Amino acid sequence: MSACLSISEVTHRYGQTLALDGVSFEVAEGERFGLLGPNGGGKTTLFRLISTLMQPSAGSVSVFGEDVSRSPSAVRRRLGLVFQHTALDAELTVRENLKTHAALVGVTGGTASERIADVLDRLGLADRAKDRVKTLSGGLARRTDLARGLLHHPDLLLLDEPTAGLDPIARRELWDALDGLRRRNGTTQIVATHMMDEAERCDRIGILDRGKLVAIGQPEKLKAELGTKTLWLESADPPTLQQHLKARMNLSSRLVGRSVLVEAEKPASLLPAIYEAAGDLITEASLRKPTLEDVFVSVTGHPFSDVTEQPNQL
């Protein structure tokens, strides 16, 4: 299967701030690819580069073989964008918003009417077409924004934190709509998110942390690399606990805040020996199936939420 998106050694700076640092990956046609990372990780910057809103400081980005710097118009024709905040006029009705956007992307006349009717029906908005956007719930406004992004039949859909601010029911409805879009059209979807359950819905994910791509792969395979269970030890003195585990048991581990993540194939079997070797330093021990958050911690060495404040544009 050919690549619809190719990112090669992309670096980007905002002045002295390094937002992306040598990022490289590809996304195949028809794939749902997730960019998982905390705020400030570089997800939004990468989306801006893909959507031709900026040019990378170094490296290259191409969409269906078209370089975003050299052929921005060709790239835009293939892209649909759903931003973190809805790109709608609150004073206009749902249908008026869609008509306005259709004209902007060159979809006019009968074709525009047909496509608007189609997306309204597919996204369950037909009965709200005459409602002003300002009267809609957050979930309905988000679906309207998705409809806007689909009017020109994009081959690649970029979704930047698509369910931000939505309640659980609205989130589920939006994901149902995205699942239906994949089944019917095979549209490639790239989802930027900081939510683990949304990353689990993707065929593959790339984990971004402080501008670096620190892991990439299928969610289940990334978790499997940590084993069937992970062992976390809480301590008032984590560095000393880590030293004891290494000196007395030759155990590898990672410091994560006030916790120690034990790196072993079968950590459950080691618990008795661990308590014998360093029980006086352990305040709590927990054994659990690996999660994507554990994967993040394992490859970065810090908790998912433990991120230095970065400019909003990252």
Protein backbone atom coordinates (compact mmCIF):
# COMPACT_ATOMS: atom_id res chain seq x y z
CA MET A 1 0.00 0.00 0.00
CA SER A 2 1.42 3.39 -1.01
CA ALA A 3 2.07 6.24 1.40
CA CYS A 4 -0.33 9.18 1.39
CA LEU A 5 1.86 11.13 3.84
CA SER A 6 5.64 11.15 4.10
CA ILE A 7 7.45 13.09 6.83
CA SER A 8 11.24 13.11 6.45
CA GLU A 9 13.63 14.52 9.08
CA VAL A 10 11.32 17.43 9.86
CA THR A 11 12.60 20.05 12.27
CA HIS A 12 10.73 23.24 13.10
CA ARG A 13 11.53 26.19 15.35
CA TYR A 14 9.58 29.15 16.68
CA GLY A 15 12.48 31.50 17.28
CA GLN A 16 14.65 29.71 19.83
CA THR A 17 11.94 27.16 20.70
CA LEU A 18 12.42 23.76 19.09
CA ALA A 19 8.93 22.44 18.33
CA LEU A 20 9.86 19.43 16.17
CA ASP A 21 13.19 17.64 16.19
CA GLY A 22 14.05 15.36 13.25
CA VAL A 23 10.62 13.69 12.94
CA SER A 24 10.21 10.99 10.26
CA PHE A 25 7.33 8.60 9.52
CA GLU A 26 4.87 7.57 6.79
CA VAL A 27 1.12 6.99 6.76
CA ALA A 28 -0.41 4.50 4.31
CA GLU A 29 -3.53 5.16 2.26
CA GLY A 30 -6.66 4.10 4.14
CA GLU A 31 -4.90 4.00 7.50
CA ARG A 32 -6.05 5.69 10.70
CA PHE A 33 -2.87 7.03 12.26
CA GLY A 34 -2.77 8.62 15.69
CA LEU A 35 -0.36 11.26 16.93
CA LEU A 36 -0.37 10.78 20.69
CA GLY A 37 1.28 13.22 23.02
CA PRO A 38 0.70 15.80 25.76
CA ASN A 39 0.05 19.45 25.02
CA GLY A 40 3.29 21.02 23.86
CA GLY A 41 4.52 17.79 22.27
CA GLY A 42 4.48 19.13 18.70
CA LYS A 43 1.22 17.68 17.34
CA THR A 44 -0.36 20.98 16.28
CA THR A 45 2.89 22.20 14.69
CA LEU A 46 3.06 19.02 12.62
CA PHE A 47 -0.55 19.48 11.51
CA ARG A 48 0.18 23.04 10.43
CA LEU A 49 3.07 21.84 8.31
CA ILE A 50 1.02 19.05 6.69
CA SER A 51 -1.83 21.46 5.93
CA THR A 52 0.57 23.96 4.23
CA LEU A 53 -0.06 26.69 6.83
CA MET A 54 3.70 26.78 7.53
CA GLN A 55 6.90 25.50 5.96
CA PRO A 56 9.29 23.34 8.00
CA SER A 57 12.57 24.85 9.15
CA ALA A 58 14.26 21.72 7.80
CA GLY A 59 13.22 18.40 6.26
CA SER A 60 10.30 17.65 3.94
CA VAL A 61 6.59 16.88 4.07
CA SER A 62 4.72 15.39 1.10
CA VAL A 63 1.06 14.45 0.66
CA PHE A 64 0.30 11.92 -2.09
CA GLY A 65 3.73 12.68 -3.53
CA GLU A 66 3.25 16.47 -3.57
CA ASP A 67 5.68 18.53 -1.51
CA VAL A 68 3.77 20.89 0.81
CA SER A 69 6.30 23.69 0.23
CA ARG A 70 6.43 23.46 -3.56
CA SER A 71 2.83 22.45 -4.37
CA PRO A 72 0.59 23.78 -1.57
CA SER A 73 -2.51 24.14 -3.78
CA ALA A 74 -2.30 20.54 -4.96
CA VAL A 75 -1.93 19.37 -1.36
CA ARG A 76 -4.89 21.41 -0.12
CA ARG A 77 -7.18 19.83 -2.71
CA ARG A 78 -6.52 16.43 -1.15
CA LEU A 79 -6.89 17.51 2.50
CA GLY A 80 -9.80 17.88 4.87
CA LEU A 81 -9.21 19.69 8.16
CA VAL A 82 -11.06 19.52 11.45
CA PHE A 83 -9.37 21.93 13.81
CA GLN A 84 -9.14 21.79 17.59
CA HIS A 85 -11.71 24.61 17.71
CA THR A 86 -14.63 24.62 15.28
CA ALA A 87 -14.16 26.75 12.16
CA LEU A 88 -17.81 27.80 11.96
CA ASP A 89 -19.75 31.08 11.99
CA ALA A 90 -21.97 30.87 15.05
CA GLU A 91 -24.52 33.33 13.59
CA LEU A 92 -25.12 31.26 10.44
CA THR A 93 -27.22 28.12 10.21
CA VAL A 94 -25.67 24.70 9.70
CA ARG A 95 -26.61 24.73 6.01
CA GLU A 96 -25.36 28.29 5.50
CA ASN A 97 -21.99 27.37 7.01
CA LEU A 98 -21.69 24.41 4.66
CA LYS A 99 -22.71 26.49 1.63
CA THR A 100 -20.11 29.11 2.48
CA HIS A 101 -17.35 26.55 2.86
CA ALA A 102 -18.39 24.73 -0.30
CA ALA A 103 -17.94 27.95 -2.26
CA LEU A 104 -14.51 28.49 -0.69
CA VAL A 105 -13.29 25.06 -1.82
CA GLY A 106 -14.76 25.39 -5.32
CA VAL A 107 -17.81 23.15 -4.91
CA THR A 108 -20.77 25.01 -6.43
CA GLY A 109 -24.22 24.64 -7.94
CA GLY A 110 -25.98 21.32 -7.94
CA THR A 111 -22.85 19.50 -6.83
CA ALA A 112 -22.70 21.60 -3.68
CA SER A 113 -26.38 20.96 -2.90
CA GLU A 114 -25.94 17.21 -3.37
CA ARG A 115 -22.84 17.03 -1.19
CA ILE A 116 -24.36 19.16 1.56
CA ALA A 117 -27.45 16.95 1.61
CA ASP A 118 -25.23 13.86 1.71
CA VAL A 119 -23.02 14.95 4.62
CA LEU A 120 -26.02 16.25 6.59
CA ASP A 121 -27.67 12.86 6.22
CA ARG A 122 -24.53 10.81 6.95
CA LEU A 123 -23.71 12.78 10.10
CA GLY A 124 -27.27 12.91 11.43
CA LEU A 125 -27.64 16.66 10.92
CA ALA A 126 -30.44 16.86 8.35
CA ASP A 127 -33.03 17.87 10.94
CA ARG A 128 -30.73 20.62 12.29
CA ALA A 129 -29.80 22.17 8.93
CA LYS A 130 -31.79 25.36 9.61
CA ASP A 131 -30.53 25.82 13.17
CA ARG A 132 -27.97 28.51 13.93
CA VAL A 133 -24.66 27.04 15.04
CA LYS A 134 -24.76 29.05 18.27
CA THR A 135 -27.82 27.03 19.35
CA LEU A 136 -26.16 23.64 18.85
CA SER A 137 -24.65 21.44 21.53
CA GLY A 138 -20.90 20.90 21.45
CA GLY A 139 -21.33 17.48 19.86
CA LEU A 140 -23.60 18.75 17.08
CA ALA A 141 -21.27 21.67 16.36
CA ARG A 142 -18.35 19.23 16.14
CA ARG A 143 -20.26 17.05 13.67
CA THR A 144 -21.10 20.15 11.65
CA ASP A 145 -17.40 21.00 11.56
CA LEU A 146 -16.64 17.47 10.37
CA ALA A 147 -19.26 17.87 7.65
CA ARG A 148 -17.52 21.09 6.59
CA GLY A 149 -14.22 19.24 6.26
CA LEU A 150 -15.76 16.53 4.06
CA LEU A 151 -17.50 18.66 1.43
CA HIS A 152 -14.71 18.48 -1.15
CA HIS A 153 -14.30 14.70 -0.68
CA PRO A 154 -10.76 14.79 0.78
CA ASP A 155 -8.48 11.78 0.50
CA LEU A 156 -6.73 12.65 3.75
CA LEU A 157 -8.56 13.95 6.82
CA LEU A 158 -6.64 15.71 9.60
CA LEU A 159 -8.38 15.74 13.00
CA ASP A 160 -6.77 17.90 15.68
CA GLU A 161 -8.13 16.89 19.12
CA PRO A 162 -11.52 16.18 17.47
CA THR A 163 -13.44 15.44 20.67
CA ALA A 164 -11.97 18.20 22.86
CA GLY A 165 -14.64 19.50 25.25
CA LEU A 166 -17.27 16.92 24.31
CA ASP A 167 -19.25 14.80 26.76
CA PRO A 168 -18.95 10.98 26.52
CA ILE A 169 -22.09 10.57 24.39
CA ALA A 170 -21.02 13.24 21.90
CA ARG A 171 -17.54 11.72 21.73
CA ARG A 172 -18.96 8.31 20.91
CA GLU A 173 -21.24 9.76 18.23
CA LEU A 174 -18.34 11.57 16.56
CA TRP A 175 -16.22 8.42 16.53
CA ASP A 176 -19.14 6.46 15.09
CA ALA A 177 -19.27 9.02 12.27
CA LEU A 178 -15.52 8.68 11.66
CA ASP A 179 -15.78 4.88 11.67
CA GLY A 180 -18.60 5.08 9.12
CA LEU A 181 -16.53 7.37 6.92
CA ARG A 182 -13.70 4.83 6.84
CA ARG A 183 -16.05 1.98 5.98
CA ARG A 184 -17.74 3.84 3.14
CA ASN A 185 -14.90 5.85 1.60
CA GLY A 186 -11.66 4.41 2.96
CA THR A 187 -10.58 7.97 3.82
CA THR A 188 -7.16 8.15 5.46
CA GLN A 189 -7.44 9.73 8.91
CA ILE A 190 -4.70 11.27 11.04
CA VAL A 191 -5.82 12.03 14.58
CA ALA A 192 -3.87 14.24 16.97
CA THR A 193 -4.90 13.44 20.53
CA HIS A 194 -3.76 13.33 24.15
CA MET A 195 -6.47 10.79 25.05
CA MET A 196 -5.38 7.17 25.40
CA ASP A 197 -8.74 5.63 24.44
CA GLU A 198 -8.75 7.58 21.19
CA ALA A 199 -5.23 6.43 20.39
CA GLU A 200 -6.43 2.84 20.92
CA ARG A 201 -8.86 3.33 18.00
CA CYS A 202 -6.00 3.88 15.56
CA ASP A 203 -4.29 1.29 13.36
CA ARG A 204 -0.91 2.72 14.37
CA ILE A 205 0.24 5.56 16.56
CA GLY A 206 3.29 7.78 16.77
CA ILE A 207 4.13 9.10 20.24
CA LEU A 208 5.40 12.70 20.22
CA ASP A 209 7.16 14.13 23.24
CA ARG A 210 8.84 17.54 23.31
CA GLY A 211 9.16 17.56 19.56
CA LYS A 212 10.59 14.07 19.17
CA LEU A 213 8.91 10.96 17.77
CA VAL A 214 9.81 8.54 20.58
CA ALA A 215 7.80 5.47 19.51
CA ILE A 216 5.71 4.27 16.58
CA GLY A 217 3.65 1.15 15.96
CA GLN A 218 0.35 -0.62 16.55
CA PRO A 219 -1.06 0.14 20.02
CA GLU A 220 -1.26 -3.51 21.05
CA LYS A 221 2.28 -4.25 19.89
CA LEU A 222 3.70 -1.22 21.70
CA LYS A 223 2.04 -2.38 24.92
CA ALA A 224 3.16 -5.98 24.37
CA GLU A 225 6.78 -4.82 24.29
CA LEU A 226 6.44 -4.07 28.02
CA GLY A 227 5.33 -7.65 28.72
CA THR A 228 2.01 -8.96 29.98
CA LYS A 229 2.30 -7.04 33.27
CA THR A 230 4.11 -3.96 34.54
CA LEU A 231 5.32 -3.53 38.12
CA TRP A 232 5.30 -0.07 39.74
CA LEU A 233 6.94 0.61 43.09
CA GLU A 234 6.20 3.71 45.14
CA SER A 235 8.90 5.01 47.48
CA ALA A 236 9.84 8.01 49.60
CA ASP A 237 13.34 7.66 48.12
CA PRO A 238 13.01 6.32 44.55
CA PRO A 239 16.70 6.78 43.54
CA THR A 240 17.88 4.72 46.52
CA LEU A 241 15.28 2.04 45.79
CA GLN A 242 16.45 1.87 42.20
CA GLN A 243 20.07 1.52 43.33
CA HIS A 244 19.15 -1.31 45.72
CA LEU A 245 17.30 -3.21 42.98
CA LYS A 246 20.30 -2.92 40.69
CA ALA A 247 22.95 -3.76 43.30
CA ARG A 248 21.13 -6.62 45.04
CA MET A 249 19.11 -8.15 42.18
CA ASN A 250 20.66 -6.73 39.01
CA LEU A 251 17.19 -5.44 38.08
CA SER A 252 16.78 -2.69 35.47
CA SER A 253 14.22 0.01 36.24
CA ARG A 254 13.14 3.55 35.39
CA LEU A 255 12.54 6.50 37.68
CA VAL A 256 9.18 8.13 36.98
CA GLY A 257 8.47 10.90 39.47
CA ARG A 258 8.05 9.22 42.87
CA SER A 259 7.72 5.79 41.26
CA VAL A 260 10.06 3.10 40.00
CA LEU A 261 9.01 1.08 36.94
CA VAL A 262 10.62 -2.36 37.12
CA GLU A 263 11.73 -3.64 33.73
CA ALA A 264 11.47 -7.43 33.80
CA GLU A 265 9.79 -10.11 31.70
CA LYS A 266 7.80 -11.65 34.59
CA PRO A 267 7.75 -9.00 37.33
CA ALA A 268 5.08 -10.75 39.44
CA SER A 269 7.42 -13.63 40.21
CA LEU A 270 10.02 -11.16 41.49
CA LEU A 271 7.86 -9.46 44.11
CA PRO A 272 8.88 -11.65 47.07
CA ALA A 273 12.58 -11.18 46.30
CA ILE A 274 12.11 -7.45 45.73
CA TYR A 275 10.48 -7.02 49.15
CA GLU A 276 13.23 -9.08 50.76
CA ALA A 277 15.91 -6.93 49.11
CA ALA A 278 14.35 -3.49 49.55
CA GLY A 279 11.02 -3.79 51.32
CA ASP A 280 11.84 -1.03 53.80
CA LEU A 281 12.08 1.44 50.88
CA ILE A 282 8.76 0.44 49.27
CA THR A 283 5.54 2.18 50.32
CA GLU A 284 3.31 0.57 47.69
CA ALA A 285 3.57 -1.93 44.82
CA SER A 286 1.10 -2.32 41.94
CA LEU A 287 0.98 -4.87 39.14
CA ARG A 288 -1.14 -4.18 36.06
CA LYS A 289 -1.54 -4.81 32.36
CA PRO A 290 0.50 -2.32 30.31
CA THR A 291 -1.32 0.74 28.98
CA LEU A 292 -0.35 3.26 26.34
CA GLU A 293 0.44 5.63 29.19
CA ASP A 294 2.92 3.05 30.48
CA VAL A 295 4.45 2.93 26.99
CA PHE A 296 4.84 6.71 27.06
CA VAL A 297 6.46 6.59 30.49
CA SER A 298 8.77 3.77 29.44
CA VAL A 299 10.11 5.57 26.36
CA THR A 300 10.28 9.09 27.83
CA GLY A 301 11.12 8.48 31.48
CA HIS A 302 8.47 10.87 32.76
CA PRO A 303 4.67 10.83 33.32
CA PHE A 304 2.37 11.82 30.47
CA SER A 305 1.27 14.97 32.29
CA ASP A 306 4.80 15.95 33.35
CA VAL A 307 5.57 18.30 30.46
CA THR A 308 7.30 21.66 30.64
CA GLU A 309 4.99 24.46 29.56
CA GLN A 310 5.39 25.22 25.87
CA PRO A 311 3.98 27.98 23.66
CA ASN A 312 0.34 27.41 22.69
CA GLN A 313 1.20 26.99 19.01
CA LEU A 314 2.96 23.65 19.60
